[in-house]
Amino acid sequence: MGCAISGLAPRQMTETRADEEQLTEEQIGMIKESWKVIQEDIAKVGIIMFVRLFETHPECKDVFFLFRDVEDLERLRTSKELRAHGLRVMSFIEKSVARLDQLERLDMLAIELGRSHHRYNAPPKYYGYVGAEFICAVRPILKEKWTPDLEKAWKTLFQYITRLMRQGYLEEEGTKRNHMLVSTKERPDKRNTAL
């Protein structure tokens, strides 16, 4: 373990955009440069990230049907399913990095990911953990290129993405709730249908 990351733990739902730190042009450049090195070990980072996530936050496994009952970390490390999921997450990070100059497109991508996480029953309380484990996984890969400023840049990006994913999750939750309310109003009440 040994990678204590603060500042990425889930926050209260009352946060607003004004409370958040925005990425600077310099931070965007640092993220893009570091991504060039990270993407060389993309599958390895994905696996390390999720094995660490399940190690440090075993309750997260409850969201993953395939890994829920797997206790053996070595079995997780060699799991094709975990590798595939890690690659999907790394692909999302890659798309996010590519959209740092087009924040509207990044916003749409992250909001849609939050919506899909609602459909998978993966609640927002876990999202911040992924960013923290990503940082722990890439730090040794970047070696001397890793700096406190680069760490702050990645944290800021993950906080931004996490907020948007949470927004998408809550929007989807509201849509489902409204749909259920509408559909129950449209169905006749069986007690009032005397023939």
N, C-alpha and C. Protein backbone atom coordinates (compact mmCIF):
# COMPACT_ATOMS: atom_id res chain seq x y z
N MET A 1 0.85 -1.18 0.00
CA MET A 1 0.00 0.00 0.00
C MET A 1 0.89 1.23 0.00
N GLY A 2 0.98 1.95 1.09
CA GLY A 2 1.95 3.02 1.23
C GLY A 2 1.76 4.24 0.36
N CYS A 3 0.56 4.51 -0.10
CA CYS A 3 0.35 5.70 -0.92
C CYS A 3 -0.85 6.45 -0.37
N ALA A 4 -0.57 7.30 0.57
CA ALA A 4 -1.67 8.05 1.19
C ALA A 4 -1.93 9.31 0.38
N ILE A 5 -3.09 9.37 -0.22
CA ILE A 5 -3.48 10.52 -1.03
C ILE A 5 -4.64 11.21 -0.32
N SER A 6 -4.43 12.46 0.00
CA SER A 6 -5.54 13.21 0.58
C SER A 6 -6.06 14.15 -0.49
N GLY A 7 -7.26 14.61 -0.28
CA GLY A 7 -7.82 15.58 -1.21
C GLY A 7 -8.66 14.96 -2.30
N LEU A 8 -8.74 13.62 -2.36
CA LEU A 8 -9.58 12.99 -3.37
C LEU A 8 -10.71 12.20 -2.74
N ALA A 9 -10.82 12.24 -1.43
CA ALA A 9 -11.91 11.54 -0.78
C ALA A 9 -13.22 12.20 -1.18
N PRO A 10 -14.29 11.40 -1.23
CA PRO A 10 -15.58 11.97 -1.61
C PRO A 10 -15.96 13.15 -0.72
N ARG A 11 -16.51 14.19 -1.36
CA ARG A 11 -16.92 15.39 -0.62
C ARG A 11 -18.43 15.44 -0.49
N GLN A 12 -18.88 16.36 0.32
CA GLN A 12 -20.31 16.55 0.49
C GLN A 12 -20.93 16.96 -0.84
N MET A 13 -22.20 16.66 -1.04
CA MET A 13 -22.89 16.96 -2.28
C MET A 13 -23.19 18.45 -2.44
N THR A 14 -22.85 19.28 -1.48
CA THR A 14 -23.21 20.69 -1.53
C THR A 14 -22.15 21.53 -2.23
N GLU A 15 -21.10 20.91 -2.74
CA GLU A 15 -20.05 21.69 -3.36
C GLU A 15 -20.57 22.38 -4.63
N THR A 16 -20.01 23.52 -4.92
CA THR A 16 -20.42 24.25 -6.12
C THR A 16 -19.20 24.50 -6.99
N ARG A 17 -19.45 24.89 -8.21
CA ARG A 17 -18.36 25.14 -9.15
C ARG A 17 -17.41 26.21 -8.65
N ALA A 18 -17.92 27.21 -7.95
CA ALA A 18 -17.07 28.29 -7.43
C ALA A 18 -16.09 27.78 -6.37
N ASP A 19 -16.46 26.70 -5.69
CA ASP A 19 -15.60 26.13 -4.65
C ASP A 19 -14.42 25.37 -5.23
N GLU A 20 -14.48 25.06 -6.51
CA GLU A 20 -13.51 24.17 -7.10
C GLU A 20 -12.34 24.90 -7.72
N GLU A 21 -11.24 24.21 -7.67
CA GLU A 21 -10.05 24.71 -8.33
C GLU A 21 -10.12 24.34 -9.80
N GLN A 22 -9.79 25.25 -10.66
CA GLN A 22 -9.80 25.00 -12.10
C GLN A 22 -8.38 24.66 -12.56
N LEU A 23 -8.28 23.81 -13.58
CA LEU A 23 -6.97 23.49 -14.14
C LEU A 23 -6.41 24.69 -14.89
N THR A 24 -5.14 24.95 -14.66
CA THR A 24 -4.47 26.02 -15.39
C THR A 24 -3.90 25.45 -16.69
N GLU A 25 -3.51 26.32 -17.60
CA GLU A 25 -2.88 25.88 -18.85
C GLU A 25 -1.60 25.08 -18.54
N GLU A 26 -0.87 25.53 -17.54
CA GLU A 26 0.36 24.82 -17.16
C GLU A 26 0.04 23.41 -16.67
N GLN A 27 -0.99 23.28 -15.84
CA GLN A 27 -1.37 21.97 -15.34
C GLN A 27 -1.83 21.06 -16.47
N ILE A 28 -2.59 21.62 -17.41
CA ILE A 28 -3.04 20.83 -18.56
C ILE A 28 -1.84 20.31 -19.34
N GLY A 29 -0.87 21.16 -19.55
CA GLY A 29 0.35 20.74 -20.24
C GLY A 29 1.09 19.64 -19.49
N MET A 30 1.17 19.77 -18.17
CA MET A 30 1.84 18.76 -17.35
C MET A 30 1.12 17.42 -17.43
N ILE A 31 -0.21 17.46 -17.37
CA ILE A 31 -1.00 16.22 -17.46
C ILE A 31 -0.78 15.55 -18.81
N LYS A 32 -0.83 16.33 -19.88
CA LYS A 32 -0.65 15.77 -21.22
C LYS A 32 0.74 15.16 -21.40
N GLU A 33 1.76 15.84 -20.90
CA GLU A 33 3.13 15.31 -21.01
C GLU A 33 3.27 14.02 -20.20
N SER A 34 2.74 14.00 -19.00
CA SER A 34 2.86 12.79 -18.17
C SER A 34 2.05 11.64 -18.77
N TRP A 35 0.94 11.97 -19.43
CA TRP A 35 0.12 10.92 -20.03
C TRP A 35 0.90 10.17 -21.11
N LYS A 36 1.78 10.84 -21.82
CA LYS A 36 2.58 10.19 -22.86
C LYS A 36 3.38 9.03 -22.28
N VAL A 37 3.86 9.19 -21.06
CA VAL A 37 4.63 8.13 -20.39
C VAL A 37 3.67 7.08 -19.82
N ILE A 38 2.61 7.53 -19.18
CA ILE A 38 1.65 6.62 -18.54
C ILE A 38 1.04 5.67 -19.55
N GLN A 39 0.69 6.16 -20.74
CA GLN A 39 -0.02 5.33 -21.71
C GLN A 39 0.82 4.16 -22.22
N GLU A 40 2.13 4.22 -22.01
CA GLU A 40 2.99 3.09 -22.39
C GLU A 40 2.72 1.88 -21.51
N ASP A 41 2.24 2.09 -20.30
CA ASP A 41 1.93 1.01 -19.36
C ASP A 41 0.44 1.01 -18.99
N ILE A 42 -0.40 1.31 -19.96
CA ILE A 42 -1.81 1.56 -19.68
C ILE A 42 -2.51 0.36 -19.02
N ALA A 43 -2.27 -0.85 -19.51
CA ALA A 43 -2.92 -2.03 -18.94
C ALA A 43 -2.43 -2.28 -17.52
N LYS A 44 -1.12 -2.13 -17.33
CA LYS A 44 -0.52 -2.33 -16.00
C LYS A 44 -1.11 -1.33 -14.99
N VAL A 45 -1.21 -0.07 -15.38
CA VAL A 45 -1.76 0.95 -14.49
C VAL A 45 -3.21 0.61 -14.14
N GLY A 46 -3.99 0.19 -15.12
CA GLY A 46 -5.39 -0.16 -14.86
C GLY A 46 -5.53 -1.27 -13.84
N ILE A 47 -4.73 -2.30 -13.98
CA ILE A 47 -4.78 -3.43 -13.04
C ILE A 47 -4.32 -2.99 -11.65
N ILE A 48 -3.18 -2.31 -11.59
CA ILE A 48 -2.66 -1.85 -10.29
C ILE A 48 -3.69 -0.97 -9.60
N MET A 49 -4.30 -0.09 -10.36
CA MET A 49 -5.27 0.85 -9.81
C MET A 49 -6.43 0.11 -9.16
N PHE A 50 -6.99 -0.89 -9.84
CA PHE A 50 -8.14 -1.59 -9.28
C PHE A 50 -7.78 -2.58 -8.19
N VAL A 51 -6.64 -3.24 -8.30
CA VAL A 51 -6.22 -4.12 -7.20
C VAL A 51 -6.03 -3.29 -5.94
N ARG A 52 -5.37 -2.13 -6.07
CA ARG A 52 -5.19 -1.24 -4.92
C ARG A 52 -6.53 -0.74 -4.39
N LEU A 53 -7.44 -0.41 -5.31
CA LEU A 53 -8.76 0.06 -4.89
C LEU A 53 -9.45 -0.99 -4.03
N PHE A 54 -9.41 -2.24 -4.46
CA PHE A 54 -10.07 -3.31 -3.72
C PHE A 54 -9.32 -3.64 -2.43
N GLU A 55 -8.01 -3.40 -2.43
CA GLU A 55 -7.19 -3.60 -1.23
C GLU A 55 -7.51 -2.54 -0.18
N THR A 56 -7.53 -1.29 -0.60
CA THR A 56 -7.70 -0.18 0.34
C THR A 56 -9.16 0.11 0.67
N HIS A 57 -10.05 -0.23 -0.26
CA HIS A 57 -11.49 0.01 -0.06
C HIS A 57 -12.26 -1.23 -0.49
N PRO A 58 -12.19 -2.31 0.30
CA PRO A 58 -12.82 -3.57 -0.11
C PRO A 58 -14.33 -3.44 -0.35
N GLU A 59 -14.94 -2.44 0.25
CA GLU A 59 -16.39 -2.25 0.04
C GLU A 59 -16.71 -1.91 -1.42
N CYS A 60 -15.71 -1.43 -2.16
CA CYS A 60 -15.92 -1.10 -3.59
C CYS A 60 -16.19 -2.34 -4.42
N LYS A 61 -15.71 -3.50 -3.94
CA LYS A 61 -15.93 -4.73 -4.70
C LYS A 61 -17.42 -5.06 -4.79
N ASP A 62 -18.21 -4.57 -3.86
CA ASP A 62 -19.65 -4.85 -3.88
C ASP A 62 -20.31 -4.33 -5.15
N VAL A 63 -19.73 -3.31 -5.75
CA VAL A 63 -20.28 -2.73 -6.97
C VAL A 63 -19.96 -3.62 -8.18
N PHE A 64 -18.91 -4.40 -8.09
CA PHE A 64 -18.46 -5.23 -9.20
C PHE A 64 -18.91 -6.67 -8.97
N PHE A 65 -19.93 -7.07 -9.69
CA PHE A 65 -20.49 -8.41 -9.54
C PHE A 65 -19.43 -9.49 -9.70
N LEU A 66 -18.56 -9.34 -10.70
CA LEU A 66 -17.57 -10.38 -10.99
C LEU A 66 -16.50 -10.52 -9.91
N PHE A 67 -16.24 -9.45 -9.17
CA PHE A 67 -15.14 -9.47 -8.20
C PHE A 67 -15.61 -9.48 -6.76
N ARG A 68 -16.91 -9.45 -6.56
CA ARG A 68 -17.49 -9.30 -5.23
C ARG A 68 -16.94 -10.32 -4.24
N ASP A 69 -16.82 -11.57 -4.66
CA ASP A 69 -16.41 -12.64 -3.73
C ASP A 69 -14.95 -13.06 -3.87
N VAL A 70 -14.18 -12.36 -4.69
CA VAL A 70 -12.78 -12.72 -4.89
C VAL A 70 -11.94 -12.08 -3.79
N GLU A 71 -11.34 -12.91 -2.98
CA GLU A 71 -10.50 -12.42 -1.88
C GLU A 71 -9.02 -12.47 -2.25
N ASP A 72 -8.66 -13.37 -3.15
CA ASP A 72 -7.26 -13.59 -3.53
C ASP A 72 -6.80 -12.47 -4.48
N LEU A 73 -5.90 -11.63 -4.00
CA LEU A 73 -5.41 -10.51 -4.81
C LEU A 73 -4.66 -10.98 -6.05
N GLU A 74 -3.98 -12.11 -5.96
CA GLU A 74 -3.27 -12.62 -7.14
C GLU A 74 -4.27 -13.01 -8.23
N ARG A 75 -5.39 -13.58 -7.82
CA ARG A 75 -6.44 -13.92 -8.79
C ARG A 75 -6.99 -12.66 -9.45
N LEU A 76 -7.10 -11.58 -8.66
CA LEU A 76 -7.55 -10.31 -9.23
C LEU A 76 -6.53 -9.77 -10.23
N ARG A 77 -5.25 -9.84 -9.88
CA ARG A 77 -4.20 -9.31 -10.75
C ARG A 77 -4.18 -10.00 -12.12
N THR A 78 -4.56 -11.26 -12.14
CA THR A 78 -4.51 -12.02 -13.40
C THR A 78 -5.89 -12.14 -14.06
N SER A 79 -6.87 -11.50 -13.51
CA SER A 79 -8.24 -11.59 -14.03
C SER A 79 -8.37 -10.85 -15.37
N LYS A 80 -8.86 -11.56 -16.38
CA LYS A 80 -9.09 -10.93 -17.69
C LYS A 80 -10.17 -9.86 -17.59
N GLU A 81 -11.16 -10.12 -16.74
CA GLU A 81 -12.26 -9.17 -16.58
C GLU A 81 -11.78 -7.87 -15.92
N LEU A 82 -10.90 -8.02 -14.92
CA LEU A 82 -10.36 -6.82 -14.27
C LEU A 82 -9.46 -6.05 -15.23
N ARG A 83 -8.69 -6.78 -16.01
CA ARG A 83 -7.84 -6.13 -17.01
C ARG A 83 -8.71 -5.35 -18.00
N ALA A 84 -9.81 -5.95 -18.45
CA ALA A 84 -10.70 -5.30 -19.41
C ALA A 84 -11.34 -4.05 -18.80
N HIS A 85 -11.76 -4.15 -17.54
CA HIS A 85 -12.37 -2.97 -16.91
C HIS A 85 -11.32 -1.88 -16.68
N GLY A 86 -10.14 -2.29 -16.25
CA GLY A 86 -9.05 -1.32 -16.07
C GLY A 86 -8.74 -0.60 -17.37
N LEU A 87 -8.74 -1.33 -18.48
CA LEU A 87 -8.49 -0.71 -19.78
C LEU A 87 -9.61 0.26 -20.17
N ARG A 88 -10.87 -0.08 -19.84
CA ARG A 88 -11.98 0.84 -20.12
C ARG A 88 -11.82 2.13 -19.33
N VAL A 89 -11.43 2.01 -18.07
CA VAL A 89 -11.23 3.21 -17.24
C VAL A 89 -10.05 4.02 -17.78
N MET A 90 -8.98 3.35 -18.13
CA MET A 90 -7.82 4.06 -18.68
C MET A 90 -8.17 4.72 -20.01
N SER A 91 -9.02 4.09 -20.79
CA SER A 91 -9.48 4.69 -22.04
C SER A 91 -10.27 5.97 -21.76
N PHE A 92 -11.10 5.93 -20.71
CA PHE A 92 -11.83 7.14 -20.33
C PHE A 92 -10.85 8.24 -19.92
N ILE A 93 -9.83 7.89 -19.15
CA ILE A 93 -8.84 8.89 -18.73
C ILE A 93 -8.13 9.45 -19.96
N GLU A 94 -7.80 8.58 -20.90
CA GLU A 94 -7.15 9.03 -22.13
C GLU A 94 -8.05 10.02 -22.89
N LYS A 95 -9.33 9.71 -23.01
CA LYS A 95 -10.27 10.62 -23.67
C LYS A 95 -10.37 11.93 -22.90
N SER A 96 -10.35 11.84 -21.59
CA SER A 96 -10.42 13.06 -20.76
C SER A 96 -9.22 13.95 -21.00
N VAL A 97 -8.03 13.35 -21.04
CA VAL A 97 -6.81 14.12 -21.28
C VAL A 97 -6.88 14.76 -22.67
N ALA A 98 -7.37 14.02 -23.64
CA ALA A 98 -7.47 14.56 -25.00
C ALA A 98 -8.47 15.71 -25.09
N ARG A 99 -9.43 15.76 -24.17
CA ARG A 99 -10.46 16.81 -24.20
C ARG A 99 -10.19 17.96 -23.24
N LEU A 100 -9.02 18.02 -22.67
CA LEU A 100 -8.71 19.09 -21.73
C LEU A 100 -8.76 20.47 -22.37
N ASP A 101 -8.60 20.53 -23.67
CA ASP A 101 -8.71 21.80 -24.37
C ASP A 101 -10.13 22.05 -24.88
N GLN A 102 -11.01 21.09 -24.63
CA GLN A 102 -12.41 21.19 -25.07
C GLN A 102 -13.30 20.78 -23.90
N LEU A 103 -13.36 21.61 -22.89
CA LEU A 103 -14.03 21.23 -21.64
C LEU A 103 -15.50 20.87 -21.83
N GLU A 104 -16.18 21.46 -22.80
CA GLU A 104 -17.59 21.10 -23.02
C GLU A 104 -17.71 19.62 -23.40
N ARG A 105 -16.78 19.16 -24.23
CA ARG A 105 -16.80 17.75 -24.63
C ARG A 105 -16.42 16.85 -23.45
N LEU A 106 -15.46 17.30 -22.64
CA LEU A 106 -15.09 16.54 -21.45
C LEU A 106 -16.26 16.48 -20.48
N ASP A 107 -16.95 17.60 -20.31
CA ASP A 107 -18.12 17.63 -19.42
C ASP A 107 -19.15 16.60 -19.85
N MET A 108 -19.48 16.59 -21.14
CA MET A 108 -20.49 15.66 -21.65
C MET A 108 -20.05 14.21 -21.42
N LEU A 109 -18.77 13.94 -21.67
CA LEU A 109 -18.23 12.59 -21.49
C LEU A 109 -18.35 12.14 -20.04
N ALA A 110 -17.95 13.00 -19.11
CA ALA A 110 -17.97 12.64 -17.68
C ALA A 110 -19.39 12.54 -17.15
N ILE A 111 -20.27 13.42 -17.59
CA ILE A 111 -21.68 13.36 -17.15
C ILE A 111 -22.31 12.05 -17.64
N GLU A 112 -22.05 11.70 -18.88
CA GLU A 112 -22.60 10.45 -19.42
C GLU A 112 -22.04 9.24 -18.67
N LEU A 113 -20.77 9.29 -18.29
CA LEU A 113 -20.19 8.20 -17.51
C LEU A 113 -20.89 8.09 -16.15
N GLY A 114 -21.19 9.23 -15.54
CA GLY A 114 -21.93 9.20 -14.28
C GLY A 114 -23.31 8.59 -14.45
N ARG A 115 -23.98 8.94 -15.55
CA ARG A 115 -25.30 8.35 -15.83
C ARG A 115 -25.21 6.84 -15.97
N SER A 116 -24.20 6.38 -16.70
CA SER A 116 -24.06 4.94 -16.88
C SER A 116 -23.72 4.26 -15.55
N HIS A 117 -22.99 4.94 -14.69
CA HIS A 117 -22.70 4.35 -13.38
C HIS A 117 -23.97 4.22 -12.54
N HIS A 118 -24.95 5.08 -12.75
CA HIS A 118 -26.23 4.91 -12.06
C HIS A 118 -26.89 3.62 -12.53
N ARG A 119 -26.83 3.38 -13.83
CA ARG A 119 -27.45 2.16 -14.38
C ARG A 119 -26.74 0.91 -13.86
N TYR A 120 -25.44 1.03 -13.53
CA TYR A 120 -24.69 -0.11 -12.98
C TYR A 120 -24.77 -0.17 -11.45
N ASN A 121 -25.52 0.73 -10.85
CA ASN A 121 -25.62 0.82 -9.38
C ASN A 121 -24.26 1.06 -8.73
N ALA A 122 -23.47 1.93 -9.33
CA ALA A 122 -22.17 2.30 -8.78
C ALA A 122 -22.28 3.74 -8.27
N PRO A 123 -22.52 3.92 -6.97
CA PRO A 123 -22.79 5.26 -6.42
C PRO A 123 -21.55 6.16 -6.37
N PRO A 124 -21.80 7.48 -6.36
CA PRO A 124 -20.72 8.47 -6.37
C PRO A 124 -19.73 8.38 -5.22
N LYS A 125 -20.12 7.79 -4.12
CA LYS A 125 -19.20 7.77 -2.97
C LYS A 125 -17.89 7.07 -3.29
N TYR A 126 -17.84 6.26 -4.35
CA TYR A 126 -16.62 5.53 -4.70
C TYR A 126 -15.76 6.23 -5.73
N TYR A 127 -16.29 7.22 -6.45
CA TYR A 127 -15.59 7.80 -7.59
C TYR A 127 -14.24 8.41 -7.22
N GLY A 128 -14.17 9.12 -6.12
CA GLY A 128 -12.93 9.77 -5.72
C GLY A 128 -11.80 8.80 -5.42
N TYR A 129 -12.16 7.60 -5.01
CA TYR A 129 -11.13 6.61 -4.69
C TYR A 129 -10.34 6.22 -5.94
N VAL A 130 -10.99 6.18 -7.08
CA VAL A 130 -10.32 5.75 -8.31
C VAL A 130 -9.19 6.73 -8.66
N GLY A 131 -9.45 8.02 -8.55
CA GLY A 131 -8.42 9.01 -8.83
C GLY A 131 -7.22 8.87 -7.91
N ALA A 132 -7.49 8.64 -6.63
CA ALA A 132 -6.41 8.47 -5.66
C ALA A 132 -5.56 7.24 -6.00
N GLU A 133 -6.21 6.15 -6.38
CA GLU A 133 -5.47 4.93 -6.71
C GLU A 133 -4.73 5.07 -8.05
N PHE A 134 -5.31 5.83 -8.97
CA PHE A 134 -4.61 6.12 -10.23
C PHE A 134 -3.29 6.84 -9.92
N ILE A 135 -3.36 7.85 -9.08
CA ILE A 135 -2.16 8.62 -8.73
C ILE A 135 -1.11 7.71 -8.08
N CYS A 136 -1.55 6.84 -7.19
CA CYS A 136 -0.61 5.91 -6.56
C CYS A 136 0.01 4.95 -7.58
N ALA A 137 -0.77 4.56 -8.58
CA ALA A 137 -0.28 3.62 -9.59
C ALA A 137 0.71 4.27 -10.56
N VAL A 138 0.50 5.55 -10.88
CA VAL A 138 1.37 6.18 -11.89
C VAL A 138 2.63 6.81 -11.29
N ARG A 139 2.60 7.11 -10.03
CA ARG A 139 3.77 7.75 -9.40
C ARG A 139 5.05 6.96 -9.64
N PRO A 140 5.08 5.64 -9.40
CA PRO A 140 6.33 4.91 -9.64
C PRO A 140 6.70 4.81 -11.14
N ILE A 141 5.71 4.87 -12.01
CA ILE A 141 5.98 4.80 -13.44
C ILE A 141 6.66 6.08 -13.92
N LEU A 142 6.21 7.20 -13.38
CA LEU A 142 6.78 8.49 -13.80
C LEU A 142 8.10 8.82 -13.11
N LYS A 143 8.40 8.10 -12.03
CA LYS A 143 9.66 8.25 -11.30
C LYS A 143 10.00 9.71 -11.01
N GLU A 144 11.15 10.18 -11.51
CA GLU A 144 11.61 11.54 -11.18
C GLU A 144 10.76 12.61 -11.86
N LYS A 145 9.94 12.23 -12.82
CA LYS A 145 9.06 13.21 -13.47
C LYS A 145 7.87 13.57 -12.58
N TRP A 146 7.65 12.75 -11.54
CA TRP A 146 6.54 13.01 -10.62
C TRP A 146 6.93 14.14 -9.67
N THR A 147 6.09 15.16 -9.59
CA THR A 147 6.35 16.30 -8.71
C THR A 147 5.08 16.64 -7.94
N PRO A 148 5.21 17.40 -6.88
CA PRO A 148 4.00 17.84 -6.16
C PRO A 148 3.05 18.64 -7.07
N ASP A 149 3.59 19.41 -8.00
CA ASP A 149 2.74 20.17 -8.92
C ASP A 149 1.98 19.25 -9.87
N LEU A 150 2.64 18.20 -10.33
CA LEU A 150 1.96 17.24 -11.21
C LEU A 150 0.87 16.49 -10.43
N GLU A 151 1.17 16.14 -9.20
CA GLU A 151 0.17 15.47 -8.37
C GLU A 151 -1.05 16.37 -8.19
N LYS A 152 -0.81 17.63 -7.92
CA LYS A 152 -1.92 18.58 -7.74
C LYS A 152 -2.74 18.69 -9.03
N ALA A 153 -2.07 18.69 -10.18
CA ALA A 153 -2.78 18.78 -11.46
C ALA A 153 -3.68 17.56 -11.66
N TRP A 154 -3.16 16.37 -11.43
CA TRP A 154 -3.98 15.16 -11.60
C TRP A 154 -5.13 15.14 -10.59
N LYS A 155 -4.85 15.53 -9.35
CA LYS A 155 -5.93 15.59 -8.34
C LYS A 155 -7.03 16.53 -8.79
N THR A 156 -6.64 17.69 -9.30
CA THR A 156 -7.63 18.68 -9.75
C THR A 156 -8.46 18.11 -10.89
N LEU A 157 -7.81 17.42 -11.82
CA LEU A 157 -8.55 16.80 -12.93
C LEU A 157 -9.54 15.76 -12.41
N PHE A 158 -9.09 14.90 -11.50
CA PHE A 158 -9.99 13.86 -11.00
C PHE A 158 -11.13 14.45 -10.17
N GLN A 159 -10.88 15.51 -9.43
CA GLN A 159 -11.95 16.16 -8.69
C GLN A 159 -12.99 16.75 -9.65
N TYR A 160 -12.52 17.32 -10.74
CA TYR A 160 -13.41 17.88 -11.76
C TYR A 160 -14.26 16.78 -12.39
N ILE A 161 -13.62 15.69 -12.79
CA ILE A 161 -14.34 14.56 -13.40
C ILE A 161 -15.32 13.95 -12.42
N THR A 162 -14.89 13.78 -11.18
CA THR A 162 -15.74 13.18 -10.16
C THR A 162 -16.99 14.02 -9.93
N ARG A 163 -16.83 15.33 -9.90
CA ARG A 163 -17.99 16.21 -9.72
C ARG A 163 -18.98 16.04 -10.87
N LEU A 164 -18.47 15.98 -12.09
CA LEU A 164 -19.34 15.83 -13.26
C LEU A 164 -20.00 14.45 -13.29
N MET A 165 -19.26 13.43 -12.92
CA MET A 165 -19.85 12.09 -12.86
C MET A 165 -20.96 12.05 -11.81
N ARG A 166 -20.72 12.68 -10.67
CA ARG A 166 -21.74 12.74 -9.63
C ARG A 166 -22.98 13.46 -10.16
N GLN A 167 -22.75 14.55 -10.89
CA GLN A 167 -23.86 15.29 -11.50
C GLN A 167 -24.65 14.38 -12.44
N GLY A 168 -23.96 13.64 -13.30
CA GLY A 168 -24.63 12.72 -14.22
C GLY A 168 -25.39 11.64 -13.50
N TYR A 169 -24.80 11.11 -12.44
CA TYR A 169 -25.45 10.08 -11.64
C TYR A 169 -26.75 10.62 -11.05
N LEU A 170 -26.68 11.81 -10.47
CA LEU A 170 -27.86 12.40 -9.84
C LEU A 170 -28.93 12.77 -10.88
N GLU A 171 -28.50 13.23 -12.05
CA GLU A 171 -29.45 13.52 -13.12
C GLU A 171 -30.18 12.25 -13.54
N GLU A 172 -29.45 11.17 -13.70
CA GLU A 172 -30.05 9.89 -14.09
C GLU A 172 -30.99 9.38 -13.00
N GLU A 173 -30.57 9.55 -11.77
CA GLU A 173 -31.41 9.15 -10.63
C GLU A 173 -32.72 9.94 -10.65
N GLY A 174 -32.64 11.26 -10.90
CA GLY A 174 -33.83 12.10 -10.98
C GLY A 174 -34.71 11.72 -12.15
N THR A 175 -34.11 11.41 -13.28
CA THR A 175 -34.87 11.00 -14.46
C THR A 175 -35.62 9.71 -14.17
N LYS A 176 -34.94 8.75 -13.57
CA LYS A 176 -35.60 7.47 -13.23
C LYS A 176 -36.73 7.68 -12.23
N ARG A 177 -36.48 8.53 -11.23
CA ARG A 177 -37.51 8.80 -10.22
C ARG A 177 -38.72 9.46 -10.87
N ASN A 178 -38.48 10.46 -11.72
CA ASN A 178 -39.58 11.14 -12.41
C ASN A 178 -40.34 10.19 -13.33
N HIS A 179 -39.59 9.32 -14.01
CA HIS A 179 -40.22 8.35 -14.90
C HIS A 179 -41.13 7.41 -14.11
N MET A 180 -40.64 7.00 -12.94
CA MET A 180 -41.46 6.10 -12.10
C MET A 180 -42.70 6.82 -11.61
N LEU A 181 -42.57 8.08 -11.23
CA LEU A 181 -43.72 8.84 -10.78
C LEU A 181 -44.75 9.00 -11.88
N VAL A 182 -44.28 9.31 -13.08
CA VAL A 182 -45.18 9.47 -14.21
C VAL A 182 -45.85 8.16 -14.55
N SER A 183 -45.10 7.07 -14.57
CA SER A 183 -45.68 5.79 -14.95
C SER A 183 -46.68 5.30 -13.91
N THR A 184 -46.49 5.60 -12.63
CA THR A 184 -47.47 5.18 -11.63
C THR A 184 -48.73 6.03 -11.73
N LYS A 185 -48.62 7.28 -12.17
CA LYS A 185 -49.80 8.13 -12.36
C LYS A 185 -50.60 7.69 -13.57
N GLU A 186 -49.92 7.17 -14.58
CA GLU A 186 -50.59 6.76 -15.80
C GLU A 186 -51.35 5.45 -15.63
N ARG A 187 -50.90 4.62 -14.71
CA ARG A 187 -51.59 3.34 -14.47
C ARG A 187 -52.82 3.59 -13.62
N PRO A 188 -53.92 3.03 -14.03
CA PRO A 188 -55.13 3.22 -13.21
C PRO A 188 -54.98 2.51 -11.87
N ASP A 189 -55.50 3.09 -10.87
CA ASP A 189 -55.50 2.51 -9.55
C ASP A 189 -56.54 1.39 -9.54
N LYS A 190 -56.11 0.16 -9.28
CA LYS A 190 -57.00 -1.00 -9.36
C LYS A 190 -58.18 -0.89 -8.41
N ARG A 191 -57.99 -0.15 -7.33
CA ARG A 191 -59.10 -0.02 -6.36
C ARG A 191 -60.21 0.83 -6.92
N ASN A 192 -59.93 1.71 -7.88
CA ASN A 192 -60.93 2.61 -8.41
C ASN A 192 -61.48 2.17 -9.76
N THR A 193 -61.31 0.93 -10.10
CA THR A 193 -61.78 0.44 -11.41
C THR A 193 -62.90 -0.58 -11.23
N ALA A 194 -63.93 -0.21 -10.52
CA ALA A 194 -65.06 -1.10 -10.32
C ALA A 194 -65.82 -1.27 -11.64
N LEU A 195 -66.15 -2.51 -11.97
CA LEU A 195 -66.89 -2.79 -13.19
C LEU A 195 -68.34 -3.03 -12.88
